[in-house]
C-alpha atoms as a PDB file:
ATOM      1  CA  MET A   1      26.941 -21.405 -16.403  1.00  0.00           C
ATOM      2  CA  THR A   2      25.742 -20.799 -12.726  1.00  0.00           C
ATOM      3  CA  SER A   3      23.032 -23.082 -10.963  1.00  0.00           C
ATOM      4  CA  LEU A   4      21.740 -20.395  -9.117  1.00  0.00           C
ATOM      5  CA  ASN A   5      18.060 -21.011  -8.552  1.00  0.00           C
ATOM      6  CA  ARG A   6      16.694 -17.901  -9.853  1.00  0.00           C
ATOM      7  CA  SER A   7      13.268 -18.522  -8.470  1.00  0.00           C
ATOM      8  CA  ASP A   8      14.181 -18.601  -4.716  1.00  0.00           C
ATOM      9  CA  GLU A   9      16.070 -15.300  -5.138  1.00  0.00           C
ATOM     10  CA  ASN A  10      13.133 -13.835  -6.990  1.00  0.00           C
ATOM     11  CA  ASN A  11      10.681 -14.870  -3.955  1.00  0.00           C
ATOM     12  CA  LEU A  12      12.895 -13.559  -1.540  1.00  0.00           C
ATOM     13  CA  LEU A  13      12.698 -10.311  -3.262  1.00  0.00           C
ATOM     14  CA  GLU A  14       9.061 -10.030  -3.886  1.00  0.00           C
ATOM     15  CA  ALA A  15       8.529 -10.709   0.073  1.00  0.00           C
ATOM     16  CA  LEU A  16      10.960  -8.137   0.902  1.00  0.00           C
ATOM     17  CA  ARG A  17       8.978  -5.424  -0.905  1.00  0.00           C
ATOM     18  CA  HIS A  18       6.546  -5.162   2.139  1.00  0.00           C
ATOM     19  CA  PRO A  19       8.462  -2.826   4.518  1.00  0.00           C
ATOM     20  CA  LEU A  20       6.639  -5.145   7.620  1.00  0.00           C
ATOM     21  CA  ARG A  21       8.577  -8.146   6.503  1.00  0.00           C
ATOM     22  CA  ARG A  22      12.103  -6.056   6.439  1.00  0.00           C
ATOM     23  CA  ARG A  23      11.054  -4.707   9.753  1.00  0.00           C
ATOM     24  CA  LEU A  24      10.484  -8.149  11.214  1.00  0.00           C
ATOM     25  CA  LEU A  25      13.908  -9.539   9.482  1.00  0.00           C
ATOM     26  CA  ARG A  26      15.869  -6.431  11.391  1.00  0.00           C
ATOM     27  CA  MET A  27      14.034  -7.489  14.625  1.00  0.00           C
ATOM     28  CA  MET A  28      15.260 -11.240  14.050  1.00  0.00           C
ATOM     29  CA  ALA A  29      18.600  -9.694  13.249  1.00  0.00           C
ATOM     30  CA  GLY A  30      21.173 -10.948  15.988  1.00  0.00           C
ATOM     31  CA  GLU A  31      18.300 -13.105  17.952  1.00  0.00           C
ATOM     32  CA  GLU A  32      18.718 -16.844  18.568  1.00  0.00           C
ATOM     33  CA  ALA A  33      15.067 -17.302  17.916  1.00  0.00           C
ATOM     34  CA  ILE A  34      11.841 -15.379  18.560  1.00  0.00           C
ATOM     35  CA  SER A  35       8.096 -15.549  17.941  1.00  0.00           C
ATOM     36  CA  PRO A  36       5.705 -14.172  16.057  1.00  0.00           C
ATOM     37  CA  ARG A  37       3.997 -13.459  19.358  1.00  0.00           C
ATOM     38  CA  GLU A  38       7.001 -11.520  20.611  1.00  0.00           C
ATOM     39  CA  LEU A  39       7.122  -9.952  17.415  1.00  0.00           C
ATOM     40  CA  ALA A  40       3.801  -8.914  17.644  1.00  0.00           C
ATOM     41  CA  THR A  41       3.878  -7.495  21.473  1.00  0.00           C
ATOM     42  CA  ALA A  42       7.294  -5.248  20.179  1.00  0.00           C
ATOM     43  CA  LEU A  43       5.300  -4.049  17.490  1.00  0.00           C
ATOM     44  CA  ASP A  44       2.000  -3.476  18.836  1.00  0.00           C
ATOM     45  CA  ARG A  45       0.461  -5.308  16.052  1.00  0.00           C
ATOM     46  CA  PRO A  46      -2.193  -7.915  15.626  1.00  0.00           C
ATOM     47  CA  LEU A  47      -0.483 -11.678  16.004  1.00  0.00           C
ATOM     48  CA  SER A  48      -2.376 -12.988  13.200  1.00  0.00           C
ATOM     49  CA  ASN A  49      -0.715  -9.947  10.872  1.00  0.00           C
ATOM     50  CA  VAL A  50       2.440 -10.590  12.328  1.00  0.00           C
ATOM     51  CA  SER A  51       2.105 -14.365  12.000  1.00  0.00           C
ATOM     52  CA  TYR A  52       1.174 -13.800   8.078  1.00  0.00           C
ATOM     53  CA  HIS A  53       4.181 -12.056   7.281  1.00  0.00           C
ATOM     54  CA  VAL A  54       6.483 -14.376   9.439  1.00  0.00           C
ATOM     55  CA  ARG A  55       5.077 -17.160   7.227  1.00  0.00           C
ATOM     56  CA  VAL A  56       5.667 -15.590   3.782  1.00  0.00           C
ATOM     57  CA  LEU A  57       9.462 -15.157   5.151  1.00  0.00           C
ATOM     58  CA  ALA A  58       9.349 -18.601   6.006  1.00  0.00           C
ATOM     59  CA  GLU A  59       7.895 -19.798   2.553  1.00  0.00           C
ATOM     60  CA  CYS A  60      10.750 -17.684   0.469  1.00  0.00           C
ATOM     61  CA  GLY A  61      13.446 -19.171   3.070  1.00  0.00           C
ATOM     62  CA  ALA A  62      14.493 -15.895   4.573  1.00  0.00           C
ATOM     63  CA  VAL A  63      13.748 -17.461   8.010  1.00  0.00           C
ATOM     64  CA  THR A  64      13.693 -20.771   9.616  1.00  0.00           C
ATOM     65  CA  LEU A  65      11.466 -22.483  12.214  1.00  0.00           C
ATOM     66  CA  VAL A  66      14.017 -23.619  15.078  1.00  0.00           C
ATOM     67  CA  LYS A  67      11.705 -24.775  18.126  1.00  0.00           C
ATOM     68  CA  THR A  68       8.084 -25.196  19.044  1.00  0.00           C
ATOM     69  CA  THR A  69       6.421 -25.071  22.421  1.00  0.00           C
ATOM     70  CA  PRO A  70       3.415 -25.968  23.476  1.00  0.00           C
ATOM     71  CA  VAL A  71       1.333 -23.316  25.134  1.00  0.00           C
ATOM     72  CA  ARG A  72      -2.376 -23.794  26.136  1.00  0.00           C
ATOM     73  CA  GLY A  73      -3.381 -26.256  23.718  1.00  0.00           C
ATOM     74  CA  SER A  74      -1.483 -24.786  20.917  1.00  0.00           C
ATOM     75  CA  MET A  75       2.298 -24.327  19.893  1.00  0.00           C
ATOM     76  CA  GLN A  76       4.536 -21.557  19.613  1.00  0.00           C
ATOM     77  CA  HIS A  77       6.788 -21.047  17.249  1.00  0.00           C
ATOM     78  CA  PHE A  78      10.078 -19.998  17.378  1.00  0.00           C
ATOM     79  CA  TYR A  79      12.103 -18.585  14.000  1.00  0.00           C
ATOM     80  CA  ARG A  80      15.483 -17.428  13.002  1.00  0.00           C
ATOM     81  CA  SER A  81      16.598 -15.285  10.204  1.00  0.00           C
ATOM     82  CA  THR A  82      18.478 -16.962   7.575  1.00  0.00           C
ATOM     83  CA  VAL A  83      18.982 -14.129   5.393  1.00  0.00           C
ATOM     84  CA  GLU A  84      22.624 -14.170   4.103  1.00  0.00           C
ATOM     85  CA  ALA A  85      22.780 -12.549   0.373  1.00  0.00           C
ATOM     86  CA  PRO A  86      24.458  -9.421   0.783  1.00  0.00           C
ATOM     87  CA  TRP A  87      21.966  -7.709  -1.750  1.00  0.00           C
ATOM     88  CA  ALA A  88      18.954  -9.156   0.393  1.00  0.00           C
ATOM     89  CA  ARG A  89      20.736  -7.985   3.770  1.00  0.00           C
ATOM     90  CA  GLU A  90      21.175  -4.149   2.307  1.00  0.00           C
ATOM     91  CA  ILE A  91      17.857  -4.122   1.277  1.00  0.00           C
ATOM     92  CA  ILE A  92      16.924  -5.225   4.995  1.00  0.00           C
ATOM     93  CA  GLU A  93      19.431  -2.454   6.280  1.00  0.00           C
ATOM     94  CA  LEU A  94      20.542  -4.434   8.967  1.00  0.00           C
ATOM     95  CA  ASP A  95      23.589  -2.193   9.612  1.00  0.00           C
ATOM     96  CA  ASP A  96      21.133   0.229  10.676  1.00  0.00           C
ATOM     97  CA  PRO A  97      18.400  -1.109  12.320  1.00  0.00           C
ATOM     98  CA  GLU A  98      16.790   2.463  13.293  1.00  0.00           C
ATOM     99  CA  VAL A  99      15.861   3.121   9.362  1.00  0.00           C
ATOM    100  CA  GLU A 100      12.181   2.390   9.237  1.00  0.00           C
ATOM    101  CA  SER A 101      11.221   4.423   6.102  1.00  0.00           C
ATOM    102  CA  ALA A 102      14.151   4.449   3.555  1.00  0.00           C
ATOM    103  CA  GLY A 103      13.916   7.266   1.112  1.00  0.00           C
ATOM    104  CA  GLU A 104      11.957   9.590   3.217  1.00  0.00           C
ATOM    105  CA  SER A 105      13.526  12.568   4.529  1.00  0.00           C
ATOM    106  CA  PRO A 106      11.942  15.314   7.194  1.00  0.00           C
ATOM    107  CA  GLU A 107      12.623  18.389   5.093  1.00  0.00           C
ATOM    108  CA  ALA A 108      12.046  21.543   7.025  1.00  0.00           C
ATOM    109  CA  GLY A 109       9.713  23.782   3.926  1.00  0.00           C
ATOM    110  CA  SER A 110      12.220  25.467   1.760  1.00  0.00           C
ATOM    111  CA  PRO A 111      11.259  28.257  -0.563  1.00  0.00           C
END
């Protein structure tokens, strides 16, 4: 009988349902540490939105806080992806970072 914590896997699977979270994890792949501000700037998204999704990923163990830096009276947090499970890496599509919308294919109108 295995002692895998299924609730951790379920939490990760639930977190990976959101396309922005998958995209954030693809962006974090290969990075030593990246902040939500850097991610928000790269994606041209509001910092509050990106920070929320990074927190969700941190809560399920998909990313880990690696350092903090004081910036203008607040703290900037830097995270690193910790996703190692093959099934999760497949969902995130780490082998093909250009894929943004799996399952959608631009078909020219066929009769």
